[in-house]
Amino acid sequence: MDLMRRDIAICTRLLVDVDILEYSGHISSRLPSGDEFLIQPVDDVRSNLEPSRLLVVGLDGCVIQGEGKPPSETAIHAEIYKARPDVKAVAHFHHDPTTMFSMVVDRPLLPMKNHAARWPDGVPIHPDASHISSIEQGQELARTMGDCNAVLLRGHGEVVVAENIKALFADIVHFVENAKALADAGLLGEIVPLTREDLEGFEATFDRDKHARKLWSYYTVTAANKGVIPLEWLDD
């Protein structure tokens, strides 16, 4: 659990540093038991999150271990973990240049870059623009997400899921990169999104774990050099 705590704290600080996460939003990771997860207290500042501060929370949203209250939208994490046994890490954040794809008509968030192979069937938009604070709202969000690995919350933000924290971080970086690429390409002219065949060709030669570790190494070393995370948090 100690390494998982460290990775959540690192991921949170990195996302703040690259202007994806800010005063709100949260990262969680499912514990090996399957029915508990780690998440930060609601009032802890994201840019200074410490591993020791993370709460152990049950799938009912109640704190099992730690001091403080969980985020008001803990139901996002709990209900996705209930609905998706394959998911081990969840992020909820508010990145306006990406969120804008939930605010326009006939402008879906299409795959423009090869790492969008994580979302080959597109990104669904959840219609509830309020805080997802109840069990019922969390269940509705999980249904909107279905088998997809990301969902847009209308006028609100994003949820991205993955198999571990390092892979989650890589997916978030590529998720917002893809949104920016689509917005920028649309300014130039008619867009040409990648096809399912394009994405399947990329996936056939892609080592996901190796790529996630490569991004993690780059961003953590860069962050440590800037003092965003302690040097002793770097992987051996």
C-alpha atoms as a PDB file:
ATOM      1  CA  MET A   1       0.000   0.000   0.000  1.00  0.00           C
ATOM      2  CA  ASP A   2       2.906   2.357   0.648  1.00  0.00           C
ATOM      3  CA  LEU A   3       3.916   2.388  -3.046  1.00  0.00           C
ATOM      4  CA  MET A   4       0.302   2.872  -4.097  1.00  0.00           C
ATOM      5  CA  ARG A   5      -0.022   5.811  -1.719  1.00  0.00           C
ATOM      6  CA  ARG A   6       3.146   7.336  -3.119  1.00  0.00           C
ATOM      7  CA  ASP A   7       1.995   6.882  -6.714  1.00  0.00           C
ATOM      8  CA  ILE A   8      -1.356   8.569  -6.037  1.00  0.00           C
ATOM      9  CA  ALA A   9       0.401  11.518  -4.409  1.00  0.00           C
ATOM     10  CA  ILE A  10       2.871  11.750  -7.303  1.00  0.00           C
ATOM     11  CA  CYS A  11       0.131  11.500  -9.941  1.00  0.00           C
ATOM     12  CA  THR A  12      -1.895  14.204  -8.205  1.00  0.00           C
ATOM     13  CA  ARG A  13       1.050  16.591  -7.950  1.00  0.00           C
ATOM     14  CA  LEU A  14       2.109  15.931 -11.558  1.00  0.00           C
ATOM     15  CA  LEU A  15      -1.376  16.677 -12.880  1.00  0.00           C
ATOM     16  CA  VAL A  16      -1.408  19.958 -10.988  1.00  0.00           C
ATOM     17  CA  ASP A  17       2.015  20.820 -12.390  1.00  0.00           C
ATOM     18  CA  VAL A  18       0.875  20.281 -16.003  1.00  0.00           C
ATOM     19  CA  ASP A  19      -2.336  22.315 -15.485  1.00  0.00           C
ATOM     20  CA  ILE A  20      -4.767  19.413 -15.724  1.00  0.00           C
ATOM     21  CA  LEU A  21      -5.747  19.193 -12.059  1.00  0.00           C
ATOM     22  CA  GLU A  22      -6.263  22.216  -9.815  1.00  0.00           C
ATOM     23  CA  TYR A  23      -8.052  23.069  -6.572  1.00  0.00           C
ATOM     24  CA  SER A  24     -10.597  20.335  -7.211  1.00  0.00           C
ATOM     25  CA  GLY A  25     -10.620  16.818  -8.631  1.00  0.00           C
ATOM     26  CA  HIS A  26      -9.234  13.570  -7.241  1.00  0.00           C
ATOM     27  CA  ILE A  27      -7.322  10.374  -8.008  1.00  0.00           C
ATOM     28  CA  SER A  28      -8.127   6.990  -6.470  1.00  0.00           C
ATOM     29  CA  SER A  29      -6.727   3.474  -6.597  1.00  0.00           C
ATOM     30  CA  ARG A  30      -8.468   0.236  -5.701  1.00  0.00           C
ATOM     31  CA  LEU A  31      -6.783  -1.778  -2.964  1.00  0.00           C
ATOM     32  CA  PRO A  32      -6.015  -5.494  -3.514  1.00  0.00           C
ATOM     33  CA  SER A  33      -9.023  -6.449  -1.376  1.00  0.00           C
ATOM     34  CA  GLY A  34     -11.202  -5.147  -4.227  1.00  0.00           C
ATOM     35  CA  ASP A  35     -13.764  -3.495  -1.995  1.00  0.00           C
ATOM     36  CA  GLU A  36     -11.668  -0.598  -0.656  1.00  0.00           C
ATOM     37  CA  PHE A  37      -9.794   2.238  -2.328  1.00  0.00           C
ATOM     38  CA  LEU A  38      -7.431   5.087  -1.517  1.00  0.00           C
ATOM     39  CA  ILE A  39      -8.484   8.691  -2.098  1.00  0.00           C
ATOM     40  CA  GLN A  40      -7.407  12.048  -0.710  1.00  0.00           C
ATOM     41  CA  PRO A  41      -9.304  14.065   1.904  1.00  0.00           C
ATOM     42  CA  VAL A  42     -11.516  16.733   0.400  1.00  0.00           C
ATOM     43  CA  ASP A  43      -9.699  19.682   1.977  1.00  0.00           C
ATOM     44  CA  ASP A  44      -6.080  18.672   1.276  1.00  0.00           C
ATOM     45  CA  VAL A  45      -4.370  20.878  -1.328  1.00  0.00           C
ATOM     46  CA  ARG A  46      -3.651  18.792  -4.425  1.00  0.00           C
ATOM     47  CA  SER A  47      -0.270  20.345  -5.167  1.00  0.00           C
ATOM     48  CA  ASN A  48       1.017  19.364  -1.730  1.00  0.00           C
ATOM     49  CA  LEU A  49      -0.673  15.988  -1.219  1.00  0.00           C
ATOM     50  CA  GLU A  50       1.214  13.604   1.065  1.00  0.00           C
ATOM     51  CA  PRO A  51       0.926   9.794   0.789  1.00  0.00           C
ATOM     52  CA  SER A  52       0.200   9.466   4.495  1.00  0.00           C
ATOM     53  CA  ARG A  53      -2.882  11.670   4.181  1.00  0.00           C
ATOM     54  CA  LEU A  54      -4.757   9.324   1.845  1.00  0.00           C
ATOM     55  CA  LEU A  55      -7.946   7.783   3.186  1.00  0.00           C
ATOM     56  CA  VAL A  56      -8.979   4.153   2.929  1.00  0.00           C
ATOM     57  CA  VAL A  57     -12.627   4.217   1.816  1.00  0.00           C
ATOM     58  CA  GLY A  58     -15.096   1.388   1.312  1.00  0.00           C
ATOM     59  CA  LEU A  59     -17.334   0.966  -1.711  1.00  0.00           C
ATOM     60  CA  ASP A  60     -20.119   2.413   0.411  1.00  0.00           C
ATOM     61  CA  GLY A  61     -18.179   5.708   0.487  1.00  0.00           C
ATOM     62  CA  CYS A  62     -17.425   5.496   4.216  1.00  0.00           C
ATOM     63  CA  VAL A  63     -13.943   6.146   5.608  1.00  0.00           C
ATOM     64  CA  ILE A  64     -12.319   3.013   7.021  1.00  0.00           C
ATOM     65  CA  GLN A  65      -8.930   4.475   7.850  1.00  0.00           C
ATOM     66  CA  GLY A  66      -7.430   7.968   7.937  1.00  0.00           C
ATOM     67  CA  GLU A  67      -8.304  11.463   9.106  1.00  0.00           C
ATOM     68  CA  GLY A  68     -10.620  13.802   7.226  1.00  0.00           C
ATOM     69  CA  LYS A  69     -13.631  13.581   4.940  1.00  0.00           C
ATOM     70  CA  PRO A  70     -13.497  12.082   1.443  1.00  0.00           C
ATOM     71  CA  PRO A  71     -14.373  14.284  -1.555  1.00  0.00           C
ATOM     72  CA  SER A  72     -18.043  15.080  -2.093  1.00  0.00           C
ATOM     73  CA  GLU A  73     -17.914  13.165  -5.387  1.00  0.00           C
ATOM     74  CA  THR A  74     -16.491   9.954  -3.921  1.00  0.00           C
ATOM     75  CA  ALA A  75     -19.529   8.203  -5.410  1.00  0.00           C
ATOM     76  CA  ILE A  76     -17.900   8.579  -8.832  1.00  0.00           C
ATOM     77  CA  HIS A  77     -15.084   6.302  -7.744  1.00  0.00           C
ATOM     78  CA  ALA A  78     -17.091   3.871  -5.619  1.00  0.00           C
ATOM     79  CA  GLU A  79     -19.779   3.207  -8.221  1.00  0.00           C
ATOM     80  CA  ILE A  80     -17.305   2.784 -11.078  1.00  0.00           C
ATOM     81  CA  TYR A  81     -15.328   0.276  -8.991  1.00  0.00           C
ATOM     82  CA  LYS A  82     -18.563  -1.614  -8.297  1.00  0.00           C
ATOM     83  CA  ALA A  83     -19.576  -1.660 -11.957  1.00  0.00           C
ATOM     84  CA  ARG A  84     -16.152  -2.282 -13.476  1.00  0.00           C
ATOM     85  CA  PRO A  85     -14.043  -5.006 -11.785  1.00  0.00           C
ATOM     86  CA  ASP A  86     -11.329  -4.402 -14.411  1.00  0.00           C
ATOM     87  CA  VAL A  87     -10.790  -0.815 -13.249  1.00  0.00           C
ATOM     88  CA  LYS A  88      -8.085  -0.298 -10.609  1.00  0.00           C
ATOM     89  CA  ALA A  89      -7.602   3.491 -10.812  1.00  0.00           C
ATOM     90  CA  VAL A  90      -9.991   6.400 -11.380  1.00  0.00           C
ATOM     91  CA  ALA A  91      -9.427  10.118 -11.981  1.00  0.00           C
ATOM     92  CA  HIS A  92     -11.983  12.911 -11.933  1.00  0.00           C
ATOM     93  CA  PHE A  93     -10.774  16.345 -13.046  1.00  0.00           C
ATOM     94  CA  HIS A  94     -11.958  19.560 -14.669  1.00  0.00           C
ATOM     95  CA  HIS A  95      -9.960  20.483 -17.773  1.00  0.00           C
ATOM     96  CA  ASP A  96     -11.903  23.200 -19.593  1.00  0.00           C
ATOM     97  CA  PRO A  97     -10.363  22.747 -23.083  1.00  0.00           C
ATOM     98  CA  THR A  98     -11.472  19.098 -22.917  1.00  0.00           C
ATOM     99  CA  THR A  99     -14.782  19.723 -21.146  1.00  0.00           C
ATOM    100  CA  MET A 100     -15.844  22.038 -23.984  1.00  0.00           C
ATOM    101  CA  PHE A 101     -16.538  18.966 -26.145  1.00  0.00           C
ATOM    102  CA  SER A 102     -19.523  18.348 -23.862  1.00  0.00           C
ATOM    103  CA  MET A 103     -20.848  21.852 -24.569  1.00  0.00           C
ATOM    104  CA  VAL A 104     -21.332  21.839 -28.334  1.00  0.00           C
ATOM    105  CA  VAL A 105     -23.646  20.111 -30.804  1.00  0.00           C
ATOM    106  CA  ASP A 106     -22.272  17.553 -33.261  1.00  0.00           C
ATOM    107  CA  ARG A 107     -18.674  17.925 -32.088  1.00  0.00           C
ATOM    108  CA  PRO A 108     -17.825  14.564 -30.484  1.00  0.00           C
ATOM    109  CA  LEU A 109     -14.387  13.958 -28.999  1.00  0.00           C
ATOM    110  CA  LEU A 110     -12.987  11.903 -31.874  1.00  0.00           C
ATOM    111  CA  PRO A 111      -9.679   9.976 -31.975  1.00  0.00           C
ATOM    112  CA  MET A 112      -7.069  12.208 -33.626  1.00  0.00           C
ATOM    113  CA  LYS A 113      -3.829  10.827 -32.160  1.00  0.00           C
ATOM    114  CA  ASN A 114      -2.795   7.193 -31.948  1.00  0.00           C
ATOM    115  CA  HIS A 115      -3.005   6.951 -28.154  1.00  0.00           C
ATOM    116  CA  ALA A 116      -6.723   7.620 -28.489  1.00  0.00           C
ATOM    117  CA  ALA A 117      -6.880   3.882 -29.187  1.00  0.00           C
ATOM    118  CA  ARG A 118      -7.980   3.725 -25.540  1.00  0.00           C
ATOM    119  CA  TRP A 119     -11.274   5.281 -26.674  1.00  0.00           C
ATOM    120  CA  PRO A 120     -11.978   3.647 -30.051  1.00  0.00           C
ATOM    121  CA  ASP A 121     -15.761   3.888 -29.682  1.00  0.00           C
ATOM    122  CA  GLY A 122     -15.673   7.548 -28.737  1.00  0.00           C
ATOM    123  CA  VAL A 123     -16.240   9.240 -25.396  1.00  0.00           C
ATOM    124  CA  PRO A 124     -19.788   9.275 -24.015  1.00  0.00           C
ATOM    125  CA  ILE A 125     -21.216  12.433 -22.449  1.00  0.00           C
ATOM    126  CA  HIS A 126     -22.998  12.107 -19.125  1.00  0.00           C
ATOM    127  CA  PRO A 127     -25.976  14.513 -19.071  1.00  0.00           C
ATOM    128  CA  ASP A 128     -25.917  15.312 -15.329  1.00  0.00           C
ATOM    129  CA  ALA A 129     -23.973  18.581 -14.976  1.00  0.00           C
ATOM    130  CA  SER A 130     -24.249  18.692 -11.174  1.00  0.00           C
ATOM    131  CA  HIS A 131     -21.883  17.239  -8.593  1.00  0.00           C
ATOM    132  CA  ILE A 132     -22.050  13.449  -8.630  1.00  0.00           C
ATOM    133  CA  SER A 133     -22.492  13.167  -4.879  1.00  0.00           C
ATOM    134  CA  SER A 134     -25.070  10.417  -4.330  1.00  0.00           C
ATOM    135  CA  ILE A 135     -24.974   6.669  -4.879  1.00  0.00           C
ATOM    136  CA  GLU A 136     -27.754   6.980  -7.459  1.00  0.00           C
ATOM    137  CA  GLN A 137     -25.852   9.656  -9.410  1.00  0.00           C
ATOM    138  CA  GLY A 138     -22.703   7.548  -9.302  1.00  0.00           C
ATOM    139  CA  GLN A 139     -24.600   4.549 -10.641  1.00  0.00           C
ATOM    140  CA  GLU A 140     -26.023   6.625 -13.495  1.00  0.00           C
ATOM    141  CA  LEU A 141     -22.528   7.841 -14.373  1.00  0.00           C
ATOM    142  CA  ALA A 142     -21.184   4.284 -14.351  1.00  0.00           C
ATOM    143  CA  ARG A 143     -23.976   3.282 -16.724  1.00  0.00           C
ATOM    144  CA  THR A 144     -23.128   6.153 -19.073  1.00  0.00           C
ATOM    145  CA  MET A 145     -19.474   5.099 -19.072  1.00  0.00           C
ATOM    146  CA  GLY A 146     -20.317   1.440 -19.714  1.00  0.00           C
ATOM    147  CA  ASP A 147     -17.255  -0.365 -21.047  1.00  0.00           C
ATOM    148  CA  CYS A 148     -15.526   2.855 -22.151  1.00  0.00           C
ATOM    149  CA  ASN A 149     -12.379   4.081 -20.446  1.00  0.00           C
ATOM    150  CA  ALA A 150     -13.399   7.741 -20.225  1.00  0.00           C
ATOM    151  CA  VAL A 151     -16.509   9.868 -19.992  1.00  0.00           C
ATOM    152  CA  LEU A 152     -17.243  13.585 -20.247  1.00  0.00           C
ATOM    153  CA  LEU A 153     -19.517  15.166 -17.651  1.00  0.00           C
ATOM    154  CA  ARG A 154     -21.642  17.809 -19.393  1.00  0.00           C
ATOM    155  CA  GLY A 155     -20.349  21.277 -18.558  1.00  0.00           C
ATOM    156  CA  HIS A 156     -18.429  19.821 -15.619  1.00  0.00           C
ATOM    157  CA  GLY A 157     -15.328  17.737 -16.304  1.00  0.00           C
ATOM    158  CA  GLU A 158     -13.938  14.314 -17.088  1.00  0.00           C
ATOM    159  CA  VAL A 159     -13.520  10.833 -15.646  1.00  0.00           C
ATOM    160  CA  VAL A 160     -10.737   8.535 -16.886  1.00  0.00           C
ATOM    161  CA  VAL A 161     -10.109   4.966 -15.709  1.00  0.00           C
ATOM    162  CA  ALA A 162      -7.207   2.539 -16.052  1.00  0.00           C
ATOM    163  CA  GLU A 163      -5.562  -0.579 -14.644  1.00  0.00           C
ATOM    164  CA  ASN A 164      -3.072   1.222 -12.377  1.00  0.00           C
ATOM    165  CA  ILE A 165      -1.963   4.734 -11.440  1.00  0.00           C
ATOM    166  CA  LYS A 166       0.946   4.969 -13.893  1.00  0.00           C
ATOM    167  CA  ALA A 167      -1.241   3.887 -16.796  1.00  0.00           C
ATOM    168  CA  LEU A 168      -3.934   6.289 -15.589  1.00  0.00           C
ATOM    169  CA  PHE A 169      -1.507   9.200 -15.650  1.00  0.00           C
ATOM    170  CA  ALA A 170      -0.438   8.365 -19.214  1.00  0.00           C
ATOM    171  CA  ASP A 171      -4.067   8.073 -20.320  1.00  0.00           C
ATOM    172  CA  ILE A 172      -4.980  11.446 -18.814  1.00  0.00           C
ATOM    173  CA  VAL A 173      -2.050  13.142 -20.567  1.00  0.00           C
ATOM    174  CA  HIS A 174      -3.079  11.605 -23.894  1.00  0.00           C
ATOM    175  CA  PHE A 175      -6.769  12.310 -23.304  1.00  0.00           C
ATOM    176  CA  VAL A 176      -6.230  16.057 -23.040  1.00  0.00           C
ATOM    177  CA  GLU A 177      -3.613  15.980 -25.845  1.00  0.00           C
ATOM    178  CA  ASN A 178      -6.175  14.385 -28.128  1.00  0.00           C
ATOM    179  CA  ALA A 179      -8.808  16.981 -27.241  1.00  0.00           C
ATOM    180  CA  LYS A 180      -6.362  19.802 -27.989  1.00  0.00           C
ATOM    181  CA  ALA A 181      -5.324  18.199 -31.281  1.00  0.00           C
ATOM    182  CA  LEU A 182      -8.967  17.934 -32.343  1.00  0.00           C
ATOM    183  CA  ALA A 183      -9.736  21.542 -31.409  1.00  0.00           C
ATOM    184  CA  ASP A 184      -6.615  22.829 -33.178  1.00  0.00           C
ATOM    185  CA  ALA A 185      -7.164  20.713 -36.308  1.00  0.00           C
ATOM    186  CA  GLY A 186     -10.718  22.012 -36.569  1.00  0.00           C
ATOM    187  CA  LEU A 187      -9.346  25.541 -36.904  1.00  0.00           C
ATOM    188  CA  LEU A 188      -7.377  24.503 -39.979  1.00  0.00           C
ATOM    189  CA  GLY A 189     -10.163  22.810 -41.895  1.00  0.00           C
ATOM    190  CA  GLU A 190     -12.123  19.590 -42.173  1.00  0.00           C
ATOM    191  CA  ILE A 191     -10.856  17.077 -39.642  1.00  0.00           C
ATOM    192  CA  VAL A 192      -9.757  13.546 -40.548  1.00  0.00           C
ATOM    193  CA  PRO A 193     -10.014  11.375 -37.428  1.00  0.00           C
ATOM    194  CA  LEU A 194      -8.217   8.069 -37.103  1.00  0.00           C
ATOM    195  CA  THR A 195     -10.241   5.039 -38.134  1.00  0.00           C
ATOM    196  CA  ARG A 196     -10.771   1.877 -36.111  1.00  0.00           C
ATOM    197  CA  GLU A 197      -8.345   0.180 -38.507  1.00  0.00           C
ATOM    198  CA  ASP A 198      -5.739   2.872 -37.747  1.00  0.00           C
ATOM    199  CA  LEU A 199      -6.202   2.392 -34.019  1.00  0.00           C
ATOM    200  CA  GLU A 200      -6.077  -1.390 -34.211  1.00  0.00           C
ATOM    201  CA  GLY A 201      -2.848  -1.175 -36.221  1.00  0.00           C
ATOM    202  CA  PHE A 202      -1.321   1.010 -33.526  1.00  0.00           C
ATOM    203  CA  GLU A 203      -2.475  -1.297 -30.727  1.00  0.00           C
ATOM    204  CA  ALA A 204      -0.960  -4.323 -32.479  1.00  0.00           C
ATOM    205  CA  THR A 205       2.575  -3.019 -31.936  1.00  0.00           C
ATOM    206  CA  PHE A 206       2.058  -0.972 -28.766  1.00  0.00           C
ATOM    207  CA  ASP A 207       3.562  -1.926 -25.393  1.00  0.00           C
ATOM    208  CA  ARG A 208       1.210  -0.107 -23.021  1.00  0.00           C
ATOM    209  CA  ASP A 209       3.067  -0.906 -19.811  1.00  0.00           C
ATOM    210  CA  LYS A 210       6.424   0.183 -21.244  1.00  0.00           C
ATOM    211  CA  HIS A 211       4.933   3.421 -22.546  1.00  0.00           C
ATOM    212  CA  ALA A 212       3.271   4.226 -19.214  1.00  0.00           C
ATOM    213  CA  ARG A 213       6.581   3.704 -17.411  1.00  0.00           C
ATOM    214  CA  LYS A 214       8.360   5.921 -19.960  1.00  0.00           C
ATOM    215  CA  LEU A 215       5.946   8.818 -19.379  1.00  0.00           C
ATOM    216  CA  TRP A 216       6.066   8.297 -15.631  1.00  0.00           C
ATOM    217  CA  SER A 217       9.866   8.427 -15.632  1.00  0.00           C
ATOM    218  CA  TYR A 218       9.970  11.603 -17.736  1.00  0.00           C
ATOM    219  CA  TYR A 219       7.369  13.512 -15.757  1.00  0.00           C
ATOM    220  CA  THR A 220       8.532  12.408 -12.305  1.00  0.00           C
ATOM    221  CA  VAL A 221      12.195  13.246 -12.929  1.00  0.00           C
ATOM    222  CA  THR A 222      11.217  16.604 -14.429  1.00  0.00           C
ATOM    223  CA  ALA A 223       8.944  17.299 -11.457  1.00  0.00           C
ATOM    224  CA  ALA A 224      11.613  16.289  -8.934  1.00  0.00           C
ATOM    225  CA  ASN A 225      14.110  18.629 -10.603  1.00  0.00           C
ATOM    226  CA  LYS A 226      11.602  21.464 -10.121  1.00  0.00           C
ATOM    227  CA  GLY A 227      10.841  20.527  -6.520  1.00  0.00           C
ATOM    228  CA  VAL A 228       7.262  19.453  -7.289  1.00  0.00           C
ATOM    229  CA  ILE A 229       7.898  16.048  -5.698  1.00  0.00           C
ATOM    230  CA  PRO A 230      10.699  14.944  -3.352  1.00  0.00           C
ATOM    231  CA  LEU A 231      13.661  13.225  -4.988  1.00  0.00           C
ATOM    232  CA  GLU A 232      13.223  10.265  -2.672  1.00  0.00           C
ATOM    233  CA  TRP A 233       9.837   9.554  -4.254  1.00  0.00           C
ATOM    234  CA  LEU A 234      11.451   8.615  -7.573  1.00  0.00           C
ATOM    235  CA  ASP A 235      11.418   4.957  -8.624  1.00  0.00           C
ATOM    236  CA  ASP A 236      14.636   3.043  -8.062  1.00  0.00           C
END
